Structure formats: structure tokens, C-alpha cells
Amino acid sequence: MINLKEIRKSCGLNQQELAERLGITQQQYSRYETNTNKISLDMFLKILDICNYKITLQKNDETEKK
């Protein structure tokens, strides 16, 4: 599971600084970190971009045999 707080800390920003870069309030950003509000995919991708954080998605090729 991806932790927004860990991502934010990895790029050396506090909540206020990251919120300013995202164009939202610190309170709104805090709600994302605490899972009080659901984050949109667009906002999540902006956070990853700001923090230069890369994720890799892998397809699971296992299939059930019947």
C-alpha cells in the first residue's frame, strides 16, 4: 500500500509546502494523508510528479487452471 505521508517526506516537504504546490489548503492535503477524504487519481499523480516518485505497475500473469 502506498503511504502519502512517506511520499511527501521522501521529497522533503511539509504538508503546507506540498499543499501550496498542489493549489489546495494544508487542511485538504491533511485529509488525504489521514484518509478522511478520498484522493482523486489526478491529485495522486500530481503528488507523485512533484515528489519525483515513480511507481511500477505489474500485470499478474497467473491464471487459474480448472
PDB file of N, CA and C in Angstrom:
ATOM      1  N   MET A   1       0.849  -1.191   0.000  1.00  0.00           N
ATOM      2  CA  MET A   1       0.000   0.000   0.000  1.00  0.00           C
ATOM      3  C   MET A   1       0.888   1.246   0.000  1.00  0.00           C
ATOM      4  N   ILE A   2       0.495   2.230  -0.751  1.00  0.00           N
ATOM      5  CA  ILE A   2       1.270   3.464  -0.865  1.00  0.00           C
ATOM      6  C   ILE A   2       0.827   4.436   0.219  1.00  0.00           C
ATOM      7  N   ASN A   3       1.808   5.007   0.915  1.00  0.00           N
ATOM      8  CA  ASN A   3       1.542   5.914   2.018  1.00  0.00           C
ATOM      9  C   ASN A   3       1.890   7.342   1.590  1.00  0.00           C
ATOM     10  N   LEU A   4       0.886   8.219   1.540  1.00  0.00           N
ATOM     11  CA  LEU A   4       1.118   9.602   1.103  1.00  0.00           C
ATOM     12  C   LEU A   4       2.107  10.336   1.998  1.00  0.00           C
ATOM     13  N   LYS A   5       2.052  10.080   3.280  1.00  0.00           N
ATOM     14  CA  LYS A   5       2.966  10.757   4.207  1.00  0.00           C
ATOM     15  C   LYS A   5       4.418  10.387   3.890  1.00  0.00           C
ATOM     16  N   GLU A   6       4.667   9.105   3.616  1.00  0.00           N
ATOM     17  CA  GLU A   6       6.018   8.671   3.278  1.00  0.00           C
ATOM     18  C   GLU A   6       6.483   9.297   1.960  1.00  0.00           C
ATOM     19  N   ILE A   7       5.591   9.385   0.994  1.00  0.00           N
ATOM     20  CA  ILE A   7       5.941  10.007  -0.285  1.00  0.00           C
ATOM     21  C   ILE A   7       6.301  11.472  -0.062  1.00  0.00           C
ATOM     22  N   ARG A   8       5.466  12.181   0.699  1.00  0.00           N
ATOM     23  CA  ARG A   8       5.716  13.607   0.971  1.00  0.00           C
ATOM     24  C   ARG A   8       7.039  13.801   1.692  1.00  0.00           C
ATOM     25  N   LYS A   9       7.297  12.986   2.702  1.00  0.00           N
ATOM     26  CA  LYS A   9       8.548  13.122   3.454  1.00  0.00           C
ATOM     27  C   LYS A   9       9.763  12.786   2.605  1.00  0.00           C
ATOM     28  N   SER A  10       9.592  11.857   1.648  1.00  0.00           N
ATOM     29  CA  SER A  10      10.715  11.464   0.796  1.00  0.00           C
ATOM     30  C   SER A  10      11.199  12.626  -0.075  1.00  0.00           C
ATOM     31  N   CYS A  11      10.322  13.594  -0.326  1.00  0.00           N
ATOM     32  CA  CYS A  11      10.749  14.744  -1.132  1.00  0.00           C
ATOM     33  C   CYS A  11      11.030  15.968  -0.267  1.00  0.00           C
ATOM     34  N   GLY A  12      11.031  15.783   1.056  1.00  0.00           N
ATOM     35  CA  GLY A  12      11.467  16.840   1.964  1.00  0.00           C
ATOM     36  C   GLY A  12      10.499  17.996   2.135  1.00  0.00           C
ATOM     37  N   LEU A  13       9.211  17.754   1.925  1.00  0.00           N
ATOM     38  CA  LEU A  13       8.218  18.819   2.062  1.00  0.00           C
ATOM     39  C   LEU A  13       7.331  18.574   3.271  1.00  0.00           C
ATOM     40  N   ASN A  14       6.877  19.664   3.879  1.00  0.00           N
ATOM     41  CA  ASN A  14       5.848  19.500   4.910  1.00  0.00           C
ATOM     42  C   ASN A  14       4.489  19.613   4.223  1.00  0.00           C
ATOM     43  N   GLN A  15       3.433  19.382   4.974  1.00  0.00           N
ATOM     44  CA  GLN A  15       2.093  19.398   4.388  1.00  0.00           C
ATOM     45  C   GLN A  15       1.768  20.739   3.742  1.00  0.00           C
ATOM     46  N   GLN A  16       2.128  21.822   4.392  1.00  0.00           N
ATOM     47  CA  GLN A  16       1.830  23.154   3.863  1.00  0.00           C
ATOM     48  C   GLN A  16       2.520  23.385   2.524  1.00  0.00           C
ATOM     49  N   GLU A  17       3.794  23.028   2.445  1.00  0.00           N
ATOM     50  CA  GLU A  17       4.555  23.237   1.212  1.00  0.00           C
ATOM     51  C   GLU A  17       3.983  22.427   0.044  1.00  0.00           C
ATOM     52  N   LEU A  18       3.648  21.170   0.317  1.00  0.00           N
ATOM     53  CA  LEU A  18       3.092  20.337  -0.742  1.00  0.00           C
ATOM     54  C   LEU A  18       1.706  20.831  -1.142  1.00  0.00           C
ATOM     55  N   ALA A  19       0.910  21.209  -0.171  1.00  0.00           N
ATOM     56  CA  ALA A  19      -0.433  21.733  -0.467  1.00  0.00           C
ATOM     57  C   ALA A  19      -0.348  22.969  -1.358  1.00  0.00           C
ATOM     58  N   GLU A  20       0.599  23.857  -1.080  1.00  0.00           N
ATOM     59  CA  GLU A  20       0.766  25.061  -1.899  1.00  0.00           C
ATOM     60  C   GLU A  20       1.115  24.702  -3.336  1.00  0.00           C
ATOM     61  N   ARG A  21       1.984  23.725  -3.512  1.00  0.00           N
ATOM     62  CA  ARG A  21       2.355  23.309  -4.861  1.00  0.00           C
ATOM     63  C   ARG A  21       1.180  22.670  -5.591  1.00  0.00           C
ATOM     64  N   LEU A  22       0.276  22.045  -4.829  1.00  0.00           N
ATOM     65  CA  LEU A  22      -0.899  21.409  -5.421  1.00  0.00           C
ATOM     66  C   LEU A  22      -2.041  22.392  -5.650  1.00  0.00           C
ATOM     67  N   GLY A  23      -1.948  23.564  -5.029  1.00  0.00           N
ATOM     68  CA  GLY A  23      -3.006  24.561  -5.155  1.00  0.00           C
ATOM     69  C   GLY A  23      -4.210  24.269  -4.278  1.00  0.00           C
ATOM     70  N   ILE A  24      -3.959  23.604  -3.145  1.00  0.00           N
ATOM     71  CA  ILE A  24      -5.021  23.301  -2.187  1.00  0.00           C
ATOM     72  C   ILE A  24      -4.575  23.757  -0.799  1.00  0.00           C
ATOM     73  N   THR A  25      -5.487  23.683   0.166  1.00  0.00           N
ATOM     74  CA  THR A  25      -5.125  24.076   1.526  1.00  0.00           C
ATOM     75  C   THR A  25      -4.393  22.936   2.231  1.00  0.00           C
ATOM     76  N   GLN A  26      -3.679  23.301   3.270  1.00  0.00           N
ATOM     77  CA  GLN A  26      -2.986  22.292   4.075  1.00  0.00           C
ATOM     78  C   GLN A  26      -4.004  21.356   4.707  1.00  0.00           C
ATOM     79  N   GLN A  27      -5.148  21.880   5.098  1.00  0.00           N
ATOM     80  CA  GLN A  27      -6.186  21.053   5.716  1.00  0.00           C
ATOM     81  C   GLN A  27      -6.692  19.997   4.739  1.00  0.00           C
ATOM     82  N   GLN A  28      -6.898  20.407   3.493  1.00  0.00           N
ATOM     83  CA  GLN A  28      -7.348  19.442   2.476  1.00  0.00           C
ATOM     84  C   GLN A  28      -6.309  18.357   2.279  1.00  0.00           C
ATOM     85  N   TYR A  29      -5.051  18.759   2.180  1.00  0.00           N
ATOM     86  CA  TYR A  29      -4.000  17.761   1.992  1.00  0.00           C
ATOM     87  C   TYR A  29      -3.945  16.816   3.189  1.00  0.00           C
ATOM     88  N   SER A  30      -4.061  17.359   4.381  1.00  0.00           N
ATOM     89  CA  SER A  30      -4.037  16.532   5.596  1.00  0.00           C
ATOM     90  C   SER A  30      -5.127  15.468   5.561  1.00  0.00           C
ATOM     91  N   ARG A  31      -6.288  15.828   5.037  1.00  0.00           N
ATOM     92  CA  ARG A  31      -7.398  14.867   4.940  1.00  0.00           C
ATOM     93  C   ARG A  31      -7.058  13.722   3.997  1.00  0.00           C
ATOM     94  N   TYR A  32      -6.250  13.997   2.976  1.00  0.00           N
ATOM     95  CA  TYR A  32      -5.807  12.926   2.087  1.00  0.00           C
ATOM     96  C   TYR A  32      -4.883  11.967   2.841  1.00  0.00           C
ATOM     97  N   GLU A  33      -3.951  12.533   3.598  1.00  0.00           N
ATOM     98  CA  GLU A  33      -2.996  11.691   4.329  1.00  0.00           C
ATOM     99  C   GLU A  33      -3.679  10.830   5.388  1.00  0.00           C
ATOM    100  N   THR A  34      -4.703  11.362   6.008  1.00  0.00           N
ATOM    101  CA  THR A  34      -5.381  10.606   7.067  1.00  0.00           C
ATOM    102  C   THR A  34      -6.534   9.764   6.532  1.00  0.00           C
ATOM    103  N   ASN A  35      -6.712   9.778   5.216  1.00  0.00           N
ATOM    104  CA  ASN A  35      -7.789   9.009   4.577  1.00  0.00           C
ATOM    105  C   ASN A  35      -9.178   9.474   4.984  1.00  0.00           C
ATOM    106  N   THR A  36      -9.293  10.724   5.445  1.00  0.00           N
ATOM    107  CA  THR A  36     -10.599  11.295   5.756  1.00  0.00           C
ATOM    108  C   THR A  36     -11.345  11.586   4.471  1.00  0.00           C
ATOM    109  N   ASN A  37     -10.617  12.080   3.466  1.00  0.00           N
ATOM    110  CA  ASN A  37     -11.176  12.329   2.135  1.00  0.00           C
ATOM    111  C   ASN A  37     -10.450  11.446   1.131  1.00  0.00           C
ATOM    112  N   LYS A  38     -11.187  10.950   0.165  1.00  0.00           N
ATOM    113  CA  LYS A  38     -10.555  10.157  -0.897  1.00  0.00           C
ATOM    114  C   LYS A  38      -9.854  11.085  -1.865  1.00  0.00           C
ATOM    115  N   ILE A  39      -8.708  10.644  -2.312  1.00  0.00           N
ATOM    116  CA  ILE A  39      -7.917  11.439  -3.240  1.00  0.00           C
ATOM    117  C   ILE A  39      -8.229  11.007  -4.679  1.00  0.00           C
ATOM    118  N   SER A  40      -8.328  11.963  -5.568  1.00  0.00           N
ATOM    119  CA  SER A  40      -8.567  11.636  -6.973  1.00  0.00           C
ATOM    120  C   SER A  40      -7.264  11.115  -7.585  1.00  0.00           C
ATOM    121  N   LEU A  41      -7.406  10.371  -8.648  1.00  0.00           N
ATOM    122  CA  LEU A  41      -6.230   9.865  -9.348  1.00  0.00           C
ATOM    123  C   LEU A  41      -5.383  11.021  -9.857  1.00  0.00           C
ATOM    124  N   ASP A  42      -6.023  12.065 -10.375  1.00  0.00           N
ATOM    125  CA  ASP A  42      -5.309  13.228 -10.886  1.00  0.00           C
ATOM    126  C   ASP A  42      -4.455  13.873  -9.787  1.00  0.00           C
ATOM    127  N   MET A  43      -5.030  14.055  -8.604  1.00  0.00           N
ATOM    128  CA  MET A  43      -4.292  14.660  -7.490  1.00  0.00           C
ATOM    129  C   MET A  43      -3.148  13.748  -7.043  1.00  0.00           C
ATOM    130  N   PHE A  44      -3.411  12.448  -6.996  1.00  0.00           N
ATOM    131  CA  PHE A  44      -2.384  11.491  -6.614  1.00  0.00           C
ATOM    132  C   PHE A  44      -1.208  11.551  -7.587  1.00  0.00           C
ATOM    133  N   LEU A  45      -1.505  11.609  -8.873  1.00  0.00           N
ATOM    134  CA  LEU A  45      -0.438  11.679  -9.871  1.00  0.00           C
ATOM    135  C   LEU A  45       0.336  12.994  -9.769  1.00  0.00           C
ATOM    136  N   LYS A  46      -0.332  14.082  -9.411  1.00  0.00           N
ATOM    137  CA  LYS A  46       0.360  15.363  -9.209  1.00  0.00           C
ATOM    138  C   LYS A  46       1.346  15.257  -8.050  1.00  0.00           C
ATOM    139  N   ILE A  47       0.935  14.605  -6.986  1.00  0.00           N
ATOM    140  CA  ILE A  47       1.818  14.424  -5.827  1.00  0.00           C
ATOM    141  C   ILE A  47       3.038  13.607  -6.229  1.00  0.00           C
ATOM    142  N   LEU A  48       2.822  12.520  -6.955  1.00  0.00           N
ATOM    143  CA  LEU A  48       3.939  11.696  -7.411  1.00  0.00           C
ATOM    144  C   LEU A  48       4.885  12.502  -8.290  1.00  0.00           C
ATOM    145  N   ASP A  49       4.332  13.340  -9.157  1.00  0.00           N
ATOM    146  CA  ASP A  49       5.155  14.158 -10.041  1.00  0.00           C
ATOM    147  C   ASP A  49       5.975  15.176  -9.253  1.00  0.00           C
ATOM    148  N   ILE A  50       5.338  15.880  -8.324  1.00  0.00           N
ATOM    149  CA  ILE A  50       6.046  16.876  -7.516  1.00  0.00           C
ATOM    150  C   ILE A  50       7.185  16.236  -6.734  1.00  0.00           C
ATOM    151  N   CYS A  51       6.936  15.065  -6.202  1.00  0.00           N
ATOM    152  CA  CYS A  51       7.940  14.385  -5.379  1.00  0.00           C
ATOM    153  C   CYS A  51       8.886  13.510  -6.195  1.00  0.00           C
ATOM    154  N   ASN A  52       8.725  13.562  -7.530  1.00  0.00           N
ATOM    155  CA  ASN A  52       9.568  12.752  -8.409  1.00  0.00           C
ATOM    156  C   ASN A  52       9.575  11.295  -7.958  1.00  0.00           C
ATOM    157  N   TYR A  53       8.388  10.812  -7.634  1.00  0.00           N
ATOM    158  CA  TYR A  53       8.208   9.460  -7.110  1.00  0.00           C
ATOM    159  C   TYR A  53       7.671   8.592  -8.223  1.00  0.00           C
ATOM    160  N   LYS A  54       8.335   7.498  -8.485  1.00  0.00           N
ATOM    161  CA  LYS A  54       7.928   6.610  -9.569  1.00  0.00           C
ATOM    162  C   LYS A  54       7.360   5.315  -8.988  1.00  0.00           C
ATOM    163  N   ILE A  55       6.275   4.855  -9.597  1.00  0.00           N
ATOM    164  CA  ILE A  55       5.737   3.554  -9.230  1.00  0.00           C
ATOM    165  C   ILE A  55       5.672   2.703 -10.494  1.00  0.00           C
ATOM    166  N   THR A  56       5.790   1.417 -10.309  1.00  0.00           N
ATOM    167  CA  THR A  56       5.728   0.494 -11.427  1.00  0.00           C
ATOM    168  C   THR A  56       4.560  -0.447 -11.198  1.00  0.00           C
ATOM    169  N   LEU A  57       3.727  -0.553 -12.199  1.00  0.00           N
ATOM    170  CA  LEU A  57       2.608  -1.481 -12.135  1.00  0.00           C
ATOM    171  C   LEU A  57       2.982  -2.728 -12.912  1.00  0.00           C
ATOM    172  N   GLN A  58       2.645  -3.861 -12.331  1.00  0.00           N
ATOM    173  CA  GLN A  58       2.957  -5.112 -12.968  1.00  0.00           C
ATOM    174  C   GLN A  58       1.697  -5.930 -13.138  1.00  0.00           C
ATOM    175  N   LYS A  59       1.549  -6.511 -14.279  1.00  0.00           N
ATOM    176  CA  LYS A  59       0.412  -7.382 -14.522  1.00  0.00           C
ATOM    177  C   LYS A  59       0.711  -8.751 -13.922  1.00  0.00           C
ATOM    178  N   ASN A  60      -0.265  -9.296 -13.249  1.00  0.00           N
ATOM    179  CA  ASN A  60      -0.126 -10.627 -12.693  1.00  0.00           C
ATOM    180  C   ASN A  60      -0.526 -11.615 -13.780  1.00  0.00           C
ATOM    181  N   ASP A  61       0.421 -12.389 -14.272  1.00  0.00           N
ATOM    182  CA  ASP A  61       0.159 -13.310 -15.379  1.00  0.00           C
ATOM    183  C   ASP A  61      -0.354 -14.671 -14.932  1.00  0.00           C
ATOM    184  N   GLU A  62      -0.530 -14.860 -13.639  1.00  0.00           N
ATOM    185  CA  GLU A  62      -1.033 -16.146 -13.154  1.00  0.00           C
ATOM    186  C   GLU A  62      -2.474 -16.323 -13.584  1.00  0.00           C
ATOM    187  N   THR A  63      -2.792 -17.480 -14.069  1.00  0.00           N
ATOM    188  CA  THR A  63      -4.180 -17.796 -14.409  1.00  0.00           C
ATOM    189  C   THR A  63      -4.604 -19.037 -13.658  1.00  0.00           C
ATOM    190  N   GLU A  64      -5.873 -19.093 -13.356  1.00  0.00           N
ATOM    191  CA  GLU A  64      -6.387 -20.259 -12.666  1.00  0.00           C
ATOM    192  C   GLU A  64      -6.522 -21.415 -13.639  1.00  0.00           C
ATOM    193  N   LYS A  65      -6.098 -22.571 -13.196  1.00  0.00           N
ATOM    194  CA  LYS A  65      -6.265 -23.770 -14.014  1.00  0.00           C
ATOM    195  C   LYS A  65      -7.468 -24.526 -13.490  1.00  0.00           C
ATOM    196  N   LYS A  66      -8.326 -24.905 -14.396  1.00  0.00           N
ATOM    197  CA  LYS A  66      -9.534 -25.639 -13.992  1.00  0.00           C
ATOM    198  C   LYS A  66      -9.425 -27.078 -14.386  1.00  0.00           C
TER     199      LYS A  66
END
